[in-house]
């Protein structure tokens, strides 16, 4: 199987790393309404903790669109390997912490 991402320039998982040790890395993610997180890859399993919820859409590298409403206080677990971008399609600012499990 060919890695279709090897020629792509991928962005970071979040805007800023707010904590990291040998077991976890915690990213700050903030998206204003209409703002998009660039195409990125998740190399580790991770949790997303929504601090301020929003209506988001995940678009995978193969073009699949997934509605991802994330309410404030919600927690989601995801397996590694995903290559996608995240867009806030709602009218509220999205604020989250993404915790990568190393």
PDB file of N, CA and C in Angstrom:
ATOM      1  N   UNK A   1       0.842  -1.185   0.000  1.00  0.00           N
ATOM      2  CA  UNK A   1       0.000   0.000   0.000  1.00  0.00           C
ATOM      3  C   UNK A   1       0.884   1.244   0.000  1.00  0.00           C
ATOM      4  N   UNK A   2       0.589   2.186  -0.866  1.00  0.00           N
ATOM      5  CA  UNK A   2       1.388   3.394  -1.001  1.00  0.00           C
ATOM      6  C   UNK A   2       0.906   4.456  -0.024  1.00  0.00           C
ATOM      7  N   UNK A   3       1.840   5.169   0.585  1.00  0.00           N
ATOM      8  CA  UNK A   3       1.514   6.274   1.482  1.00  0.00           C
ATOM      9  C   UNK A   3       1.231   7.507   0.640  1.00  0.00           C
ATOM     10  N   UNK A   4      -0.039   7.896   0.533  1.00  0.00           N
ATOM     11  CA  UNK A   4      -0.414   9.036  -0.309  1.00  0.00           C
ATOM     12  C   UNK A   4      -0.037  10.367   0.314  1.00  0.00           C
ATOM     13  N   UNK A   5       0.409  10.364   1.568  1.00  0.00           N
ATOM     14  CA  UNK A   5       0.740  11.616   2.245  1.00  0.00           C
ATOM     15  C   UNK A   5       2.211  11.985   2.127  1.00  0.00           C
ATOM     16  N   UNK A   6       3.046  11.103   1.539  1.00  0.00           N
ATOM     17  CA  UNK A   6       4.486  11.364   1.559  1.00  0.00           C
ATOM     18  C   UNK A   6       4.875  12.620   0.793  1.00  0.00           C
ATOM     19  N   UNK A   7       4.098  13.041  -0.205  1.00  0.00           N
ATOM     20  CA  UNK A   7       4.411  14.257  -0.958  1.00  0.00           C
ATOM     21  C   UNK A   7       3.649  15.481  -0.463  1.00  0.00           C
ATOM     22  N   UNK A   8       2.757  15.285   0.486  1.00  0.00           N
ATOM     23  CA  UNK A   8       1.961  16.394   0.998  1.00  0.00           C
ATOM     24  C   UNK A   8       2.658  17.073   2.168  1.00  0.00           C
ATOM     25  N   UNK A   9       2.481  18.364   2.253  1.00  0.00           N
ATOM     26  CA  UNK A   9       2.957  19.087   3.432  1.00  0.00           C
ATOM     27  C   UNK A   9       1.817  19.126   4.430  1.00  0.00           C
ATOM     28  N   UNK A  10       1.987  18.408   5.521  1.00  0.00           N
ATOM     29  CA  UNK A  10       0.949  18.324   6.536  1.00  0.00           C
ATOM     30  C   UNK A  10       1.202  19.348   7.626  1.00  0.00           C
ATOM     31  N   UNK A  11       0.127  19.874   8.179  1.00  0.00           N
ATOM     32  CA  UNK A  11       0.228  20.831   9.266  1.00  0.00           C
ATOM     33  C   UNK A  11       0.315  20.122  10.607  1.00  0.00           C
ATOM     34  N   UNK A  12       0.445  20.904  11.666  1.00  0.00           N
ATOM     35  CA  UNK A  12       0.481  20.329  13.011  1.00  0.00           C
ATOM     36  C   UNK A  12      -0.920  19.898  13.448  1.00  0.00           C
ATOM     37  N   UNK A  13      -0.975  19.064  14.468  1.00  0.00           N
ATOM     38  CA  UNK A  13      -2.241  18.571  15.013  1.00  0.00           C
ATOM     39  C   UNK A  13      -3.046  19.703  15.647  1.00  0.00           C
ATOM     40  N   UNK A  14      -2.373  20.663  16.256  1.00  0.00           N
ATOM     41  CA  UNK A  14      -3.039  21.805  16.895  1.00  0.00           C
ATOM     42  C   UNK A  14      -2.194  23.046  16.731  1.00  0.00           C
ATOM     43  N   UNK A  15      -2.623  24.141  17.356  1.00  0.00           N
ATOM     44  CA  UNK A  15      -1.878  25.393  17.232  1.00  0.00           C
ATOM     45  C   UNK A  15      -0.669  25.473  18.152  1.00  0.00           C
ATOM     46  N   UNK A  16      -0.745  24.792  19.288  1.00  0.00           N
ATOM     47  CA  UNK A  16       0.336  24.922  20.274  1.00  0.00           C
ATOM     48  C   UNK A  16       0.356  23.700  21.179  1.00  0.00           C
ATOM     49  N   UNK A  17       1.552  23.228  21.512  1.00  0.00           N
ATOM     50  CA  UNK A  17       1.694  22.164  22.504  1.00  0.00           C
ATOM     51  C   UNK A  17       1.717  22.843  23.871  1.00  0.00           C
ATOM     52  N   UNK A  18       0.760  22.461  24.729  1.00  0.00           N
ATOM     53  CA  UNK A  18       0.668  23.092  26.053  1.00  0.00           C
ATOM     54  C   UNK A  18       1.261  22.222  27.159  1.00  0.00           C
ATOM     55  N   UNK A  19       1.515  20.951  26.851  1.00  0.00           N
ATOM     56  CA  UNK A  19       2.154  20.049  27.815  1.00  0.00           C
ATOM     57  C   UNK A  19       2.697  18.849  27.048  1.00  0.00           C
ATOM     58  N   UNK A  20       3.872  18.366  27.474  1.00  0.00           N
ATOM     59  CA  UNK A  20       4.405  17.146  26.874  1.00  0.00           C
ATOM     60  C   UNK A  20       5.360  16.468  27.839  1.00  0.00           C
ATOM     61  N   UNK A  21       5.240  15.138  27.911  1.00  0.00           N
ATOM     62  CA  UNK A  21       6.226  14.329  28.618  1.00  0.00           C
ATOM     63  C   UNK A  21       6.414  13.041  27.813  1.00  0.00           C
ATOM     64  N   UNK A  22       7.010  12.016  28.410  1.00  0.00           N
ATOM     65  CA  UNK A  22       7.279  10.797  27.651  1.00  0.00           C
ATOM     66  C   UNK A  22       6.035   9.949  27.388  1.00  0.00           C
ATOM     67  N   UNK A  23       4.894  10.296  27.975  1.00  0.00           N
ATOM     68  CA  UNK A  23       3.659   9.508  27.807  1.00  0.00           C
ATOM     69  C   UNK A  23       2.557  10.211  27.036  1.00  0.00           C
ATOM     70  N   UNK A  24       2.493  11.532  27.120  1.00  0.00           N
ATOM     71  CA  UNK A  24       1.414  12.280  26.456  1.00  0.00           C
ATOM     72  C   UNK A  24       1.935  13.578  25.854  1.00  0.00           C
ATOM     73  N   UNK A  25       1.201  14.066  24.871  1.00  0.00           N
ATOM     74  CA  UNK A  25       1.417  15.410  24.318  1.00  0.00           C
ATOM     75  C   UNK A  25       0.035  16.049  24.254  1.00  0.00           C
ATOM     76  N   UNK A  26      -0.090  17.267  24.784  1.00  0.00           N
ATOM     77  CA  UNK A  26      -1.381  17.950  24.822  1.00  0.00           C
ATOM     78  C   UNK A  26      -1.329  19.185  23.930  1.00  0.00           C
ATOM     79  N   UNK A  27      -2.243  19.235  22.967  1.00  0.00           N
ATOM     80  CA  UNK A  27      -2.341  20.346  22.013  1.00  0.00           C
ATOM     81  C   UNK A  27      -3.498  21.267  22.364  1.00  0.00           C
ATOM     82  N   UNK A  28      -3.311  22.548  22.139  1.00  0.00           N
ATOM     83  CA  UNK A  28      -4.368  23.565  22.209  1.00  0.00           C
ATOM     84  C   UNK A  28      -4.930  23.709  20.791  1.00  0.00           C
ATOM     85  N   UNK A  29      -6.252  23.650  20.681  1.00  0.00           N
ATOM     86  CA  UNK A  29      -6.918  23.861  19.392  1.00  0.00           C
ATOM     87  C   UNK A  29      -7.998  24.910  19.589  1.00  0.00           C
ATOM     88  N   UNK A  30      -7.969  25.924  18.734  1.00  0.00           N
ATOM     89  CA  UNK A  30      -8.990  26.968  18.748  1.00  0.00           C
ATOM     90  C   UNK A  30      -9.346  27.292  17.306  1.00  0.00           C
ATOM     91  N   UNK A  31     -10.640  27.179  16.993  1.00  0.00           N
ATOM     92  CA  UNK A  31     -11.120  27.514  15.658  1.00  0.00           C
ATOM     93  C   UNK A  31     -12.297  28.463  15.768  1.00  0.00           C
ATOM     94  N   UNK A  32     -12.159  29.639  15.198  1.00  0.00           N
ATOM     95  CA  UNK A  32     -13.270  30.588  15.121  1.00  0.00           C
ATOM     96  C   UNK A  32     -14.274  30.054  14.096  1.00  0.00           C
ATOM     97  N   UNK A  33     -15.501  30.539  14.111  1.00  0.00           N
ATOM     98  CA  UNK A  33     -16.465  30.111  13.097  1.00  0.00           C
ATOM     99  C   UNK A  33     -15.896  30.294  11.689  1.00  0.00           C
ATOM    100  N   UNK A  34     -15.976  29.241  10.882  1.00  0.00           N
ATOM    101  CA  UNK A  34     -15.452  29.276   9.523  1.00  0.00           C
ATOM    102  C   UNK A  34     -13.977  28.951   9.403  1.00  0.00           C
ATOM    103  N   UNK A  35     -13.268  28.871  10.503  1.00  0.00           N
ATOM    104  CA  UNK A  35     -11.824  28.607  10.462  1.00  0.00           C
ATOM    105  C   UNK A  35     -11.558  27.113  10.307  1.00  0.00           C
ATOM    106  N   UNK A  36     -10.433  26.786   9.661  1.00  0.00           N
ATOM    107  CA  UNK A  36     -10.078  25.396   9.359  1.00  0.00           C
ATOM    108  C   UNK A  36      -8.698  25.068   9.907  1.00  0.00           C
ATOM    109  N   UNK A  37      -8.607  23.887  10.520  1.00  0.00           N
ATOM    110  CA  UNK A  37      -7.320  23.315  10.917  1.00  0.00           C
ATOM    111  C   UNK A  37      -6.736  22.671   9.659  1.00  0.00           C
ATOM    112  N   UNK A  38      -5.454  22.890   9.325  1.00  0.00           N
ATOM    113  CA  UNK A  38      -4.909  22.341   8.086  1.00  0.00           C
ATOM    114  C   UNK A  38      -4.877  20.812   8.088  1.00  0.00           C
ATOM    115  N   UNK A  39      -4.689  20.253   6.914  1.00  0.00           N
ATOM    116  CA  UNK A  39      -4.550  18.816   6.769  1.00  0.00           C
ATOM    117  C   UNK A  39      -3.403  18.336   7.653  1.00  0.00           C
ATOM    118  N   UNK A  40      -3.670  17.326   8.466  1.00  0.00           N
ATOM    119  CA  UNK A  40      -2.669  16.822   9.405  1.00  0.00           C
ATOM    120  C   UNK A  40      -2.887  15.325   9.628  1.00  0.00           C
ATOM    121  N   UNK A  41      -1.875  14.676  10.208  1.00  0.00           N
ATOM    122  CA  UNK A  41      -1.937  13.236  10.466  1.00  0.00           C
ATOM    123  C   UNK A  41      -1.830  12.986  11.963  1.00  0.00           C
ATOM    124  N   UNK A  42      -2.597  12.016  12.416  1.00  0.00           N
ATOM    125  CA  UNK A  42      -2.530  11.581  13.810  1.00  0.00           C
ATOM    126  C   UNK A  42      -1.718  10.290  13.888  1.00  0.00           C
ATOM    127  N   UNK A  43      -0.505  10.385  14.426  1.00  0.00           N
ATOM    128  CA  UNK A  43       0.383   9.231  14.544  1.00  0.00           C
ATOM    129  C   UNK A  43       0.188   8.459  15.842  1.00  0.00           C
ATOM    130  N   UNK A  44      -0.597   9.017  16.760  1.00  0.00           N
ATOM    131  CA  UNK A  44      -0.828   8.386  18.067  1.00  0.00           C
ATOM    132  C   UNK A  44      -2.332   8.324  18.330  1.00  0.00           C
ATOM    133  N   UNK A  45      -2.783   7.353  19.154  1.00  0.00           N
ATOM    134  CA  UNK A  45      -4.172   7.408  19.610  1.00  0.00           C
ATOM    135  C   UNK A  45      -4.355   8.688  20.410  1.00  0.00           C
ATOM    136  N   UNK A  46      -5.590   9.217  20.433  1.00  0.00           N
ATOM    137  CA  UNK A  46      -5.775  10.489  21.113  1.00  0.00           C
ATOM    138  C   UNK A  46      -7.189  10.677  21.633  1.00  0.00           C
ATOM    139  N   UNK A  47      -7.292  11.588  22.594  1.00  0.00           N
ATOM    140  CA  UNK A  47      -8.565  12.043  23.149  1.00  0.00           C
ATOM    141  C   UNK A  47      -8.731  13.513  22.782  1.00  0.00           C
ATOM    142  N   UNK A  48      -9.955  13.903  22.465  1.00  0.00           N
ATOM    143  CA  UNK A  48     -10.275  15.309  22.260  1.00  0.00           C
ATOM    144  C   UNK A  48     -11.244  15.715  23.363  1.00  0.00           C
ATOM    145  N   UNK A  49     -10.890  16.756  24.108  1.00  0.00           N
ATOM    146  CA  UNK A  49     -11.736  17.284  25.172  1.00  0.00           C
ATOM    147  C   UNK A  49     -12.201  18.672  24.736  1.00  0.00           C
ATOM    148  N   UNK A  50     -13.492  18.809  24.471  1.00  0.00           N
ATOM    149  CA  UNK A  50     -14.047  20.092  24.025  1.00  0.00           C
ATOM    150  C   UNK A  50     -14.277  20.985  25.238  1.00  0.00           C
ATOM    151  N   UNK A  51     -13.614  22.118  25.264  1.00  0.00           N
ATOM    152  CA  UNK A  51     -13.794  23.093  26.342  1.00  0.00           C
ATOM    153  C   UNK A  51     -14.949  24.030  25.988  1.00  0.00           C
ATOM    154  N   UNK A  52     -14.940  24.519  24.760  1.00  0.00           N
ATOM    155  CA  UNK A  52     -16.059  25.276  24.199  1.00  0.00           C
ATOM    156  C   UNK A  52     -16.472  24.532  22.939  1.00  0.00           C
ATOM    157  N   UNK A  53     -17.683  24.031  22.915  1.00  0.00           N
ATOM    158  CA  UNK A  53     -18.140  23.193  21.819  1.00  0.00           C
ATOM    159  C   UNK A  53     -18.489  23.981  20.568  1.00  0.00           C
ATOM    160  N   UNK A  54     -18.564  23.243  19.454  1.00  0.00           N
ATOM    161  CA  UNK A  54     -18.935  23.837  18.172  1.00  0.00           C
ATOM    162  C   UNK A  54     -19.413  22.736  17.235  1.00  0.00           C
ATOM    163  N   UNK A  55     -19.974  23.172  16.126  1.00  0.00           N
ATOM    164  CA  UNK A  55     -20.371  22.253  15.060  1.00  0.00           C
ATOM    165  C   UNK A  55     -19.206  22.195  14.079  1.00  0.00           C
ATOM    166  N   UNK A  56     -18.555  21.030  14.018  1.00  0.00           N
ATOM    167  CA  UNK A  56     -17.373  20.863  13.184  1.00  0.00           C
ATOM    168  C   UNK A  56     -17.625  19.846  12.087  1.00  0.00           C
ATOM    169  N   UNK A  57     -16.799  19.906  11.061  1.00  0.00           N
ATOM    170  CA  UNK A  57     -16.801  18.917   9.995  1.00  0.00           C
ATOM    171  C   UNK A  57     -15.376  18.425   9.817  1.00  0.00           C
ATOM    172  N   UNK A  58     -15.219  17.104   9.785  1.00  0.00           N
ATOM    173  CA  UNK A  58     -13.943  16.475   9.491  1.00  0.00           C
ATOM    174  C   UNK A  58     -13.957  16.091   8.020  1.00  0.00           C
ATOM    175  N   UNK A  59     -12.926  16.481   7.287  1.00  0.00           N
ATOM    176  CA  UNK A  59     -12.785  16.064   5.899  1.00  0.00           C
ATOM    177  C   UNK A  59     -11.519  15.231   5.798  1.00  0.00           C
ATOM    178  N   UNK A  60     -11.675  13.961   5.410  1.00  0.00           N
ATOM    179  CA  UNK A  60     -10.530  13.061   5.319  1.00  0.00           C
ATOM    180  C   UNK A  60      -9.779  13.292   4.016  1.00  0.00           C
ATOM    181  N   UNK A  61      -8.579  12.754   3.959  1.00  0.00           N
ATOM    182  CA  UNK A  61      -7.730  12.932   2.781  1.00  0.00           C
ATOM    183  C   UNK A  61      -8.381  12.359   1.521  1.00  0.00           C
ATOM    184  N   UNK A  62      -9.248  11.356   1.685  1.00  0.00           N
ATOM    185  CA  UNK A  62      -9.919  10.772   0.514  1.00  0.00           C
ATOM    186  C   UNK A  62     -11.227  11.478   0.163  1.00  0.00           C
ATOM    187  N   UNK A  63     -11.521  12.596   0.877  1.00  0.00           N
ATOM    188  CA  UNK A  63     -12.698  13.391   0.547  1.00  0.00           C
ATOM    189  C   UNK A  63     -13.947  13.083   1.341  1.00  0.00           C
ATOM    190  N   UNK A  64     -13.884  12.124   2.247  1.00  0.00           N
ATOM    191  CA  UNK A  64     -15.039  11.797   3.078  1.00  0.00           C
ATOM    192  C   UNK A  64     -15.320  12.950   4.045  1.00  0.00           C
ATOM    193  N   UNK A  65     -16.592  13.327   4.142  1.00  0.00           N
ATOM    194  CA  UNK A  65     -17.002  14.396   5.053  1.00  0.00           C
ATOM    195  C   UNK A  65     -17.759  13.777   6.221  1.00  0.00           C
ATOM    196  N   UNK A  66     -17.333  14.119   7.434  1.00  0.00           N
ATOM    197  CA  UNK A  66     -17.939  13.567   8.646  1.00  0.00           C
ATOM    198  C   UNK A  66     -18.385  14.722   9.532  1.00  0.00           C
ATOM    199  N   UNK A  67     -19.691  14.788   9.829  1.00  0.00           N
ATOM    200  CA  UNK A  67     -20.185  15.796  10.770  1.00  0.00           C
ATOM    201  C   UNK A  67     -19.689  15.431  12.163  1.00  0.00           C
ATOM    202  N   UNK A  68     -19.132  16.402  12.863  1.00  0.00           N
ATOM    203  CA  UNK A  68     -18.553  16.150  14.184  1.00  0.00           C
ATOM    204  C   UNK A  68     -18.985  17.246  15.149  1.00  0.00           C
ATOM    205  N   UNK A  69     -20.246  17.178  15.573  1.00  0.00           N
ATOM    206  CA  UNK A  69     -20.710  18.113  16.593  1.00  0.00           C
ATOM    207  C   UNK A  69     -20.005  17.768  17.900  1.00  0.00           C
ATOM    208  N   UNK A  70     -19.370  18.753  18.495  1.00  0.00           N
ATOM    209  CA  UNK A  70     -18.624  18.515  19.721  1.00  0.00           C
ATOM    210  C   UNK A  70     -19.143  19.454  20.808  1.00  0.00           C
ATOM    211  N   UNK A  71     -19.986  18.956  21.704  1.00  0.00           N
ATOM    212  CA  UNK A  71     -20.530  19.798  22.767  1.00  0.00           C
ATOM    213  C   UNK A  71     -19.481  20.123  23.822  1.00  0.00           C
ATOM    214  N   UNK A  72     -19.649  21.248  24.483  1.00  0.00           N
ATOM    215  CA  UNK A  72     -18.744  21.621  25.577  1.00  0.00           C
ATOM    216  C   UNK A  72     -18.727  20.513  26.618  1.00  0.00           C
ATOM    217  N   UNK A  73     -17.526  20.134  27.036  1.00  0.00           N
ATOM    218  CA  UNK A  73     -17.371  19.077  28.028  1.00  0.00           C
ATOM    219  C   UNK A  73     -17.315  17.684  27.440  1.00  0.00           C
ATOM    220  N   UNK A  74     -17.562  17.564  26.143  1.00  0.00           N
ATOM    221  CA  UNK A  74     -17.529  16.250  25.502  1.00  0.00           C
ATOM    222  C   UNK A  74     -16.116  15.727  25.362  1.00  0.00           C
ATOM    223  N   UNK A  75     -15.986  14.408  25.393  1.00  0.00           N
ATOM    224  CA  UNK A  75     -14.689  13.749  25.228  1.00  0.00           C
ATOM    225  C   UNK A  75     -14.854  12.666  24.172  1.00  0.00           C
ATOM    226  N   UNK A  76     -13.917  12.616  23.218  1.00  0.00           N
ATOM    227  CA  UNK A  76     -13.949  11.637  22.144  1.00  0.00           C
ATOM    228  C   UNK A  76     -12.584  10.957  22.068  1.00  0.00           C
ATOM    229  N   UNK A  77     -12.594   9.622  21.893  1.00  0.00           N
ATOM    230  CA  UNK A  77     -11.359   8.870  21.676  1.00  0.00           C
ATOM    231  C   UNK A  77     -11.272   8.510  20.202  1.00  0.00           C
ATOM    232  N   UNK A  78     -10.068   8.614  19.624  1.00  0.00           N
ATOM    233  CA  UNK A  78      -9.864   8.219  18.236  1.00  0.00           C
ATOM    234  C   UNK A  78      -8.552   7.443  18.100  1.00  0.00           C
ATOM    235  N   UNK A  79      -8.581   6.434  17.233  1.00  0.00           N
ATOM    236  CA  UNK A  79      -7.387   5.639  16.936  1.00  0.00           C
ATOM    237  C   UNK A  79      -6.434   6.433  16.053  1.00  0.00           C
ATOM    238  N   UNK A  80      -5.151   6.056  16.026  1.00  0.00           N
ATOM    239  CA  UNK A  80      -4.172   6.752  15.183  1.00  0.00           C
ATOM    240  C   UNK A  80      -4.377   6.422  13.706  1.00  0.00           C
ATOM    241  N   UNK A  81      -3.698   7.194  12.863  1.00  0.00           N
ATOM    242  CA  UNK A  81      -3.668   6.920  11.442  1.00  0.00           C
ATOM    243  C   UNK A  81      -4.474   7.872  10.589  1.00  0.00           C
ATOM    244  N   UNK A  82      -5.362   8.623  11.184  1.00  0.00           N
ATOM    245  CA  UNK A  82      -6.214   9.516  10.400  1.00  0.00           C
ATOM    246  C   UNK A  82      -5.410  10.667   9.795  1.00  0.00           C
ATOM    247  N   UNK A  83      -5.731  10.989   8.546  1.00  0.00           N
ATOM    248  CA  UNK A  83      -5.215  12.186   7.891  1.00  0.00           C
ATOM    249  C   UNK A  83      -6.437  12.977   7.463  1.00  0.00           C
ATOM    250  N   UNK A  84      -6.605  14.149   8.066  1.00  0.00           N
ATOM    251  CA  UNK A  84      -7.809  14.935   7.810  1.00  0.00           C
ATOM    252  C   UNK A  84      -7.602  16.397   8.151  1.00  0.00           C
ATOM    253  N   UNK A  85      -8.624  17.196   7.870  1.00  0.00           N
ATOM    254  CA  UNK A  85      -8.663  18.573   8.337  1.00  0.00           C
ATOM    255  C   UNK A  85      -9.973  18.776   9.073  1.00  0.00           C
ATOM    256  N   UNK A  86     -10.007  19.759   9.936  1.00  0.00           N
ATOM    257  CA  UNK A  86     -11.180  20.047  10.750  1.00  0.00           C
ATOM    258  C   UNK A  86     -11.623  21.472  10.472  1.00  0.00           C
ATOM    259  N   UNK A  87     -12.925  21.654  10.210  1.00  0.00           N
ATOM    260  CA  UNK A  87     -13.472  22.980   9.952  1.00  0.00           C
ATOM    261  C   UNK A  87     -14.608  23.253  10.920  1.00  0.00           C
ATOM    262  N   UNK A  88     -14.594  24.427  11.517  1.00  0.00           N
ATOM    263  CA  UNK A  88     -15.696  24.868  12.376  1.00  0.00           C
ATOM    264  C   UNK A  88     -16.757  25.477  11.466  1.00  0.00           C
ATOM    265  N   UNK A  89     -17.854  24.765  11.266  1.00  0.00           N
ATOM    266  CA  UNK A  89     -18.931  25.240  10.390  1.00  0.00           C
ATOM    267  C   UNK A  89     -20.065  25.879  11.186  1.00  0.00           C
ATOM    268  N   UNK A  90     -19.890  25.978  12.490  1.00  0.00           N
ATOM    269  CA  UNK A  90     -20.912  26.561  13.347  1.00  0.00           C
ATOM    270  C   UNK A  90     -20.721  28.053  13.533  1.00  0.00           C
ATOM    271  N   UNK A  91     -21.445  28.599  14.500  1.00  0.00           N
ATOM    272  CA  UNK A  91     -21.368  30.040  14.756  1.00  0.00           C
ATOM    273  C   UNK A  91     -20.781  30.354  16.124  1.00  0.00           C
ATOM    274  N   UNK A  92     -20.127  29.361  16.736  1.00  0.00           N
ATOM    275  CA  UNK A  92     -19.445  29.567  18.016  1.00  0.00           C
ATOM    276  C   UNK A  92     -17.978  29.171  17.869  1.00  0.00           C
ATOM    277  N   UNK A  93     -17.124  29.754  18.683  1.00  0.00           N
ATOM    278  CA  UNK A  93     -15.702  29.404  18.672  1.00  0.00           C
ATOM    279  C   UNK A  93     -15.516  28.028  19.295  1.00  0.00           C
ATOM    280  N   UNK A  94     -14.684  27.217  18.664  1.00  0.00           N
ATOM    281  CA  UNK A  94     -14.362  25.888  19.162  1.00  0.00           C
ATOM    282  C   UNK A  94     -13.034  25.964  19.902  1.00  0.00           C
ATOM    283  N   UNK A  95     -13.008  25.456  21.115  1.00  0.00           N
ATOM    284  CA  UNK A  95     -11.797  25.417  21.930  1.00  0.00           C
ATOM    285  C   UNK A  95     -11.673  24.016  22.508  1.00  0.00           C
ATOM    286  N   UNK A  96     -10.526  23.379  22.309  1.00  0.00           N
ATOM    287  CA  UNK A  96     -10.347  22.014  22.777  1.00  0.00           C
ATOM    288  C   UNK A  96      -8.913  21.748  23.171  1.00  0.00           C
ATOM    289  N   UNK A  97      -8.736  20.657  23.908  1.00  0.00           N
ATOM    290  CA  UNK A  97      -7.428  20.092  24.200  1.00  0.00           C
ATOM    291  C   UNK A  97      -7.425  18.704  23.571  1.00  0.00           C
ATOM    292  N   UNK A  98      -6.394  18.434  22.790  1.00  0.00           N
ATOM    293  CA  UNK A  98      -6.220  17.127  22.171  1.00  0.00           C
ATOM    294  C   UNK A  98      -5.047  16.455  22.874  1.00  0.00           C
ATOM    295  N   UNK A  99      -5.300  15.295  23.444  1.00  0.00           N
ATOM    296  CA  UNK A  99      -4.299  14.587  24.235  1.00  0.00           C
ATOM    297  C   UNK A  99      -3.836  13.359  23.446  1.00  0.00           C
ATOM    298  N   UNK A 100      -2.597  13.416  22.941  1.00  0.00           N
ATOM    299  CA  UNK A 100      -2.021  12.274  22.237  1.00  0.00           C
ATOM    300  C   UNK A 100      -1.405  11.323  23.260  1.00  0.00           C
ATOM    301  N   UNK A 101      -1.690  10.044  23.113  1.00  0.00           N
ATOM    302  CA  UNK A 101      -1.145   9.021  23.989  1.00  0.00           C
ATOM    303  C   UNK A 101       0.041   8.373  23.287  1.00  0.00           C
ATOM    304  N   UNK A 102       1.237   8.569  23.823  1.00  0.00           N
ATOM    305  CA  UNK A 102       2.450   8.060  23.157  1.00  0.00           C
ATOM    306  C   UNK A 102       2.673   6.589  23.449  1.00  0.00           C
TER     307      UNK A 102
END
